[in-house]
Amino acid sequence: MGAQQRVYRQRSRSVQSTQKITKAMELIAASRVVKARQRVAETTPYARAITRAVSAVATFSDVDHPLTLEREAPKNAGVLIITSDRGLAGAYSASVLKTSERLRELLQDEGKTAQPYLTGRKAEGYFKFRQREYVESWSGFSDAPTFEVAKEIGERLTADFIAGAENGGVDEIHVIYTRFVNMVTQEVQVVRLLPLEVVDDDAPAEAEDLYPLYEFEPNGPQVLDALLPQYVTSRIYNCLLQSAASELAARQRAMKSATDNAEELIKTYTRLANQARQAEITQEISEIVGGASALADAK
């Protein structure tokens, strides 16, 4: 009985130590997610503005640009997969990787070869464990991405798209990321980034809107040359920020659930230890009473 008490109390102390860690991680995620949400809110107006500008130029300039042209019989499709660097965030990274698998199968059905571009150590580990090849990877910034990283990724994707499949590049680019809706809901999204597919989920255009006339200085091609790389970078940066906020929100929920489960487990081990102690006391009393009875009978 005494051995059972020690085992239960040791397990209880171990769970208490784990609970302190999960509680600390929950508080850290809760403090960081506020800043991450603020960054998403601050960058959204700029993303909308450049989206409208690119939409206007692409619609009214009547200019064929390498980033806006559909390739004939595309062969390679680049897929940017945005995951986390660390775990303990529930099914955050797993949901993104499952979506990437479904997209890969869809591209294969269309006769295209998926060329993965990875962000986050979780995606790197997933591909290395399965011995799959990928084009390029970036990591070490999943919960706090910077514009410089987004620019680096955008430049690489743009260069590979311009090169095309015939020159070792890709014919289209897709991005898989997690869109932050609120602290409870985060949605995995798939966006085709190139060839240019103007997307503005937050401000959909009305069918009856009247478009103004535009004049481009110095000319349409030069305006597109300046805007399109910025558009690609801003889209990737927004996807990284959305994913960072989603990761932190998922980690906060996962750590809160772990802390609550640890509390229930501590209560269970405490109850079992008390039951073992009560059983030991009962057994000792029974032995004393039995010994006393035996001595009385002997007399």
Protein backbone atom coordinates (compact mmCIF):
# COMPACT_ATOMS: atom_id res chain seq x y z
CA MET A 1 0.00 0.00 0.00
CA GLY A 2 2.81 2.38 0.89
CA ALA A 3 4.43 1.70 -2.49
CA GLN A 4 1.20 2.62 -4.27
CA GLN A 5 1.03 5.92 -2.40
CA ARG A 6 4.58 6.79 -3.44
CA VAL A 7 3.85 5.93 -7.07
CA TYR A 8 0.69 8.08 -7.17
CA ARG A 9 2.39 11.01 -5.44
CA GLN A 10 5.38 10.83 -7.78
CA ARG A 11 3.05 10.85 -10.77
CA SER A 12 1.13 13.76 -9.30
CA ARG A 13 4.34 15.78 -8.84
CA SER A 14 5.39 14.96 -12.40
CA VAL A 15 2.05 16.15 -13.78
CA GLN A 16 2.28 19.31 -11.67
CA SER A 17 5.67 20.08 -13.23
CA THR A 18 4.20 19.56 -16.70
CA GLN A 19 1.23 21.74 -15.80
CA LYS A 20 3.54 24.62 -14.89
CA ILE A 21 5.17 24.38 -18.33
CA THR A 22 1.87 24.24 -20.24
CA LYS A 23 0.48 27.14 -18.20
CA ALA A 24 3.56 29.24 -18.97
CA MET A 25 3.32 28.42 -22.67
CA GLU A 26 -0.37 29.31 -22.65
CA LEU A 27 0.38 32.73 -21.14
CA ILE A 28 3.23 33.36 -23.58
CA ALA A 29 1.04 32.48 -26.57
CA ALA A 30 -1.78 34.66 -25.21
CA SER A 31 0.54 37.66 -24.95
CA ARG A 32 2.08 37.15 -28.40
CA VAL A 33 -1.17 36.55 -30.23
CA VAL A 34 -2.36 40.05 -29.33
CA LYS A 35 0.61 41.57 -31.13
CA ALA A 36 0.21 39.16 -34.05
CA ARG A 37 -3.44 40.14 -34.48
CA GLN A 38 -2.46 43.78 -34.36
CA ARG A 39 0.10 43.28 -37.12
CA VAL A 40 -2.50 41.56 -39.28
CA ALA A 41 -4.93 44.45 -38.74
CA GLU A 42 -2.26 47.04 -39.51
CA THR A 43 -1.11 45.45 -42.77
CA THR A 44 -4.55 44.63 -44.14
CA PRO A 45 -5.30 48.18 -45.46
CA TYR A 46 -2.01 48.20 -47.38
CA ALA A 47 -2.74 44.78 -48.86
CA ARG A 48 -6.17 46.00 -49.97
CA ALA A 49 -4.71 49.16 -51.52
CA ILE A 50 -2.09 47.35 -53.57
CA THR A 51 -4.66 44.73 -54.57
CA ARG A 52 -6.92 47.44 -55.98
CA ALA A 53 -3.99 49.10 -57.74
CA VAL A 54 -2.84 45.89 -59.38
CA SER A 55 -6.41 45.03 -60.30
CA ALA A 56 -6.83 48.38 -62.02
CA VAL A 57 -3.59 48.12 -63.96
CA ALA A 58 -4.15 44.51 -64.99
CA THR A 59 -7.72 45.24 -66.07
CA PHE A 60 -7.36 48.54 -67.89
CA SER A 61 -3.79 48.65 -69.19
CA ASP A 62 -4.42 45.96 -71.84
CA VAL A 63 -0.79 44.86 -71.52
CA ASP A 64 0.53 41.30 -71.55
CA HIS A 65 2.93 40.78 -68.67
CA PRO A 66 4.87 37.60 -67.76
CA LEU A 67 3.21 37.49 -64.34
CA THR A 68 -0.31 37.75 -65.75
CA LEU A 69 -0.13 35.35 -68.70
CA GLU A 70 -1.53 31.84 -68.50
CA ARG A 71 0.98 29.25 -69.70
CA GLU A 72 -0.02 26.78 -72.36
CA ALA A 73 0.00 23.21 -71.00
CA PRO A 74 1.58 24.01 -67.62
CA LYS A 75 3.80 21.23 -66.28
CA ASN A 76 5.19 22.32 -62.92
CA ALA A 77 3.19 23.98 -60.17
CA GLY A 78 4.99 25.55 -57.23
CA VAL A 79 3.28 25.15 -53.86
CA LEU A 80 4.33 27.37 -50.94
CA ILE A 81 3.41 25.52 -47.73
CA ILE A 82 3.36 27.68 -44.58
CA THR A 83 3.64 25.74 -41.30
CA SER A 84 5.14 26.35 -37.86
CA ASP A 85 8.65 25.92 -36.51
CA ARG A 86 7.49 24.38 -33.23
CA GLY A 87 4.85 21.93 -32.17
CA LEU A 88 2.40 21.98 -29.26
CA ALA A 89 -0.12 23.85 -31.39
CA GLY A 90 -2.79 21.21 -31.84
CA ALA A 91 -3.57 20.28 -35.44
CA TYR A 92 -2.31 23.57 -36.87
CA SER A 93 0.56 22.22 -39.01
CA ALA A 94 -1.13 18.87 -39.66
CA SER A 95 -4.15 20.61 -41.24
CA VAL A 96 -1.90 22.57 -43.60
CA LEU A 97 0.05 19.45 -44.60
CA LYS A 98 -3.15 17.47 -45.22
CA THR A 99 -4.39 20.26 -47.47
CA SER A 100 -1.07 20.23 -49.33
CA GLU A 101 -1.49 16.50 -49.96
CA ARG A 102 -4.96 17.04 -51.39
CA LEU A 103 -3.66 19.86 -53.61
CA ARG A 104 -0.79 17.66 -54.81
CA GLU A 105 -3.24 14.93 -55.81
CA LEU A 106 -5.43 17.48 -57.59
CA LEU A 107 -2.47 18.85 -59.52
CA GLN A 108 -1.41 15.34 -60.48
CA ASP A 109 -4.91 14.66 -61.83
CA GLU A 110 -4.47 17.77 -63.99
CA GLY A 111 -1.17 16.49 -65.35
CA LYS A 112 1.02 18.84 -63.29
CA THR A 113 3.96 18.13 -61.00
CA ALA A 114 3.90 19.81 -57.59
CA GLN A 115 7.13 21.59 -56.64
CA PRO A 116 7.06 22.29 -52.86
CA TYR A 117 8.46 25.44 -51.27
CA LEU A 118 8.43 25.09 -47.50
CA THR A 119 8.30 27.48 -44.57
CA GLY A 120 8.55 26.13 -41.03
CA ARG A 121 10.46 23.20 -39.55
CA LYS A 122 7.30 21.11 -39.33
CA ALA A 123 7.01 21.04 -43.12
CA GLU A 124 10.73 20.32 -43.45
CA GLY A 125 10.48 17.42 -41.02
CA TYR A 126 7.40 16.08 -42.81
CA PHE A 127 9.15 15.97 -46.19
CA LYS A 128 12.49 14.71 -44.85
CA PHE A 129 10.84 11.88 -42.91
CA ARG A 130 9.09 10.72 -46.09
CA GLN A 131 12.26 11.29 -48.15
CA ARG A 132 10.53 13.69 -50.50
CA GLU A 133 12.34 16.40 -52.39
CA TYR A 134 11.49 20.07 -52.17
CA VAL A 135 12.77 23.13 -53.99
CA GLU A 136 13.59 25.49 -51.12
CA SER A 137 12.77 25.99 -47.45
CA TRP A 138 12.76 28.84 -44.95
CA SER A 139 12.41 28.50 -41.18
CA GLY A 140 13.01 30.19 -37.84
CA PHE A 141 10.36 32.92 -38.04
CA SER A 142 6.95 31.25 -38.04
CA ASP A 143 5.53 33.08 -35.00
CA ALA A 144 7.06 36.48 -35.91
CA PRO A 145 7.63 36.80 -39.68
CA THR A 146 9.32 39.88 -41.12
CA PHE A 147 8.84 41.72 -44.39
CA GLU A 148 12.42 40.91 -45.39
CA VAL A 149 11.66 37.19 -45.24
CA ALA A 150 8.48 37.68 -47.27
CA LYS A 151 10.47 39.64 -49.85
CA GLU A 152 13.08 36.89 -50.09
CA ILE A 153 10.40 34.25 -50.61
CA GLY A 154 8.55 36.43 -53.13
CA GLU A 155 11.69 37.09 -55.16
CA ARG A 156 12.50 33.37 -55.35
CA LEU A 157 8.97 32.41 -56.37
CA THR A 158 8.77 35.22 -58.94
CA ALA A 159 12.13 34.28 -60.46
CA ASP A 160 11.15 30.60 -60.75
CA PHE A 161 7.82 31.54 -62.30
CA ILE A 162 9.41 33.82 -64.88
CA ALA A 163 11.92 31.08 -65.75
CA GLY A 164 9.12 28.61 -66.47
CA ALA A 165 9.10 24.83 -66.38
CA GLU A 166 11.27 24.57 -69.49
CA ASN A 167 14.13 26.32 -67.68
CA GLY A 168 13.78 24.47 -64.38
CA GLY A 169 11.13 26.78 -62.91
CA VAL A 170 7.37 26.55 -62.49
CA ASP A 171 4.34 27.58 -64.53
CA GLU A 172 2.11 28.58 -61.60
CA ILE A 173 2.38 29.27 -57.89
CA HIS A 174 -0.04 28.25 -55.13
CA VAL A 175 0.09 29.26 -51.47
CA ILE A 176 -1.30 27.17 -48.60
CA TYR A 177 -1.67 29.09 -45.35
CA THR A 178 -3.99 29.39 -42.35
CA ARG A 179 -6.31 32.39 -42.35
CA PHE A 180 -6.94 33.92 -38.95
CA VAL A 181 -10.66 34.54 -38.42
CA ASN A 182 -10.79 34.85 -34.64
CA MET A 183 -9.32 33.21 -31.54
CA VAL A 184 -11.53 30.15 -32.03
CA THR A 185 -11.62 29.78 -35.81
CA GLN A 186 -8.68 29.51 -38.20
CA GLU A 187 -9.19 28.28 -41.75
CA VAL A 188 -6.67 26.64 -44.09
CA GLN A 189 -6.73 28.49 -47.41
CA VAL A 190 -5.33 27.70 -50.86
CA VAL A 191 -4.61 30.70 -53.09
CA ARG A 192 -3.22 30.70 -56.59
CA LEU A 193 -0.69 33.51 -56.54
CA LEU A 194 0.73 33.32 -60.07
CA PRO A 195 -0.30 33.77 -62.84
CA LEU A 196 -1.84 36.84 -61.31
CA GLU A 197 -5.21 36.11 -59.80
CA VAL A 198 -6.32 39.24 -57.99
CA VAL A 199 -7.86 38.22 -54.68
CA ASP A 200 -9.43 40.44 -52.06
CA ASP A 201 -11.54 38.36 -49.70
CA ASP A 202 -12.23 41.26 -47.35
CA ALA A 203 -13.60 43.64 -49.95
CA PRO A 204 -15.43 41.79 -52.75
CA ALA A 205 -16.34 43.85 -55.78
CA GLU A 206 -19.97 44.53 -56.57
CA ALA A 207 -21.26 43.62 -59.98
CA GLU A 208 -22.84 47.03 -60.49
CA ASP A 209 -19.71 49.05 -59.60
CA LEU A 210 -18.60 51.55 -62.24
CA TYR A 211 -14.88 51.46 -62.93
CA PRO A 212 -13.11 54.77 -63.57
CA LEU A 213 -10.81 55.44 -66.50
CA TYR A 214 -7.07 55.29 -65.84
CA GLU A 215 -4.04 56.86 -67.43
CA PHE A 216 -0.69 55.22 -66.72
CA GLU A 217 2.56 57.13 -66.42
CA PRO A 218 5.06 56.45 -67.84
CA ASN A 219 3.21 53.44 -69.37
CA GLY A 220 1.34 50.31 -68.47
CA PRO A 221 4.24 47.80 -68.70
CA GLN A 222 6.49 49.87 -66.43
CA VAL A 223 3.72 50.29 -63.89
CA LEU A 224 3.14 46.53 -63.88
CA ASP A 225 6.87 45.90 -63.52
CA ALA A 226 6.86 48.05 -60.37
CA LEU A 227 3.57 46.87 -58.87
CA LEU A 228 3.49 43.13 -59.45
CA PRO A 229 6.59 42.20 -57.39
CA GLN A 230 5.28 44.35 -54.55
CA TYR A 231 1.89 42.70 -54.88
CA VAL A 232 3.41 39.21 -54.66
CA THR A 233 5.53 40.18 -51.63
CA SER A 234 2.59 41.83 -49.85
CA ARG A 235 0.39 38.78 -50.43
CA ILE A 236 3.04 36.42 -49.06
CA TYR A 237 3.70 38.72 -46.10
CA ASN A 238 -0.01 38.81 -45.29
CA CYS A 239 -0.20 35.01 -45.52
CA LEU A 240 2.77 34.71 -43.13
CA LEU A 241 1.18 37.10 -40.65
CA GLN A 242 -2.17 35.34 -40.83
CA SER A 243 -0.44 32.00 -40.25
CA ALA A 244 1.56 33.39 -37.31
CA ALA A 245 -1.59 34.63 -35.59
CA SER A 246 -3.30 31.31 -36.28
CA GLU A 247 -0.35 29.35 -34.88
CA LEU A 248 -0.30 31.34 -31.64
CA ALA A 249 -4.07 31.06 -31.22
CA ALA A 250 -3.90 27.30 -31.81
CA ARG A 251 -1.03 26.96 -29.33
CA GLN A 252 -2.92 28.93 -26.69
CA ARG A 253 -5.95 26.65 -27.04
CA ALA A 254 -3.80 23.51 -27.01
CA MET A 255 -1.88 24.59 -23.90
CA LYS A 256 -5.07 25.59 -22.10
CA SER A 257 -6.54 22.18 -22.85
CA ALA A 258 -3.32 20.51 -21.64
CA THR A 259 -3.37 22.57 -18.44
CA ASP A 260 -6.99 21.63 -17.77
CA ASN A 261 -6.27 17.96 -18.44
CA ALA A 262 -3.28 18.09 -16.10
CA GLU A 263 -5.51 19.55 -13.37
CA GLU A 264 -7.96 16.67 -13.78
CA LEU A 265 -5.12 14.15 -13.75
CA ILE A 266 -3.71 15.64 -10.55
CA LYS A 267 -7.12 15.30 -8.90
CA THR A 268 -7.30 11.68 -10.04
CA TYR A 269 -3.86 10.79 -8.67
CA THR A 270 -4.62 12.61 -5.40
CA ARG A 271 -7.83 10.62 -5.00
CA LEU A 272 -6.05 7.34 -5.75
CA ALA A 273 -3.28 8.17 -3.26
CA ASN A 274 -5.88 8.97 -0.59
CA GLN A 275 -7.69 5.70 -1.31
CA ALA A 276 -4.41 3.78 -1.02
CA ARG A 277 -3.66 5.53 2.29
CA GLN A 278 -7.15 4.76 3.62
CA ALA A 279 -6.75 1.13 2.60
CA GLU A 280 -3.39 0.97 4.36
CA ILE A 281 -4.85 2.47 7.56
CA THR A 282 -7.78 0.05 7.42
CA GLN A 283 -5.42 -2.87 7.00
CA GLU A 284 -3.28 -1.75 9.93
CA ILE A 285 -6.35 -1.37 12.15
CA SER A 286 -7.53 -4.82 11.10
CA GLU A 287 -4.13 -6.30 11.95
CA ILE A 288 -4.11 -4.60 15.40
CA VAL A 289 -7.63 -5.77 16.17
CA GLY A 290 -6.79 -9.27 14.99
CA GLY A 291 -3.64 -9.36 17.11
CA ALA A 292 -5.53 -8.12 20.17
CA SER A 293 -8.18 -10.76 19.68
CA ALA A 294 -5.55 -13.46 19.35
CA LEU A 295 -3.87 -12.38 22.61
CA ALA A 296 -7.24 -12.32 24.42
CA ASP A 297 -8.06 -15.83 23.22
CA ALA A 298 -4.63 -17.06 24.32
CA LYS A 299 -5.25 -15.90 27.88
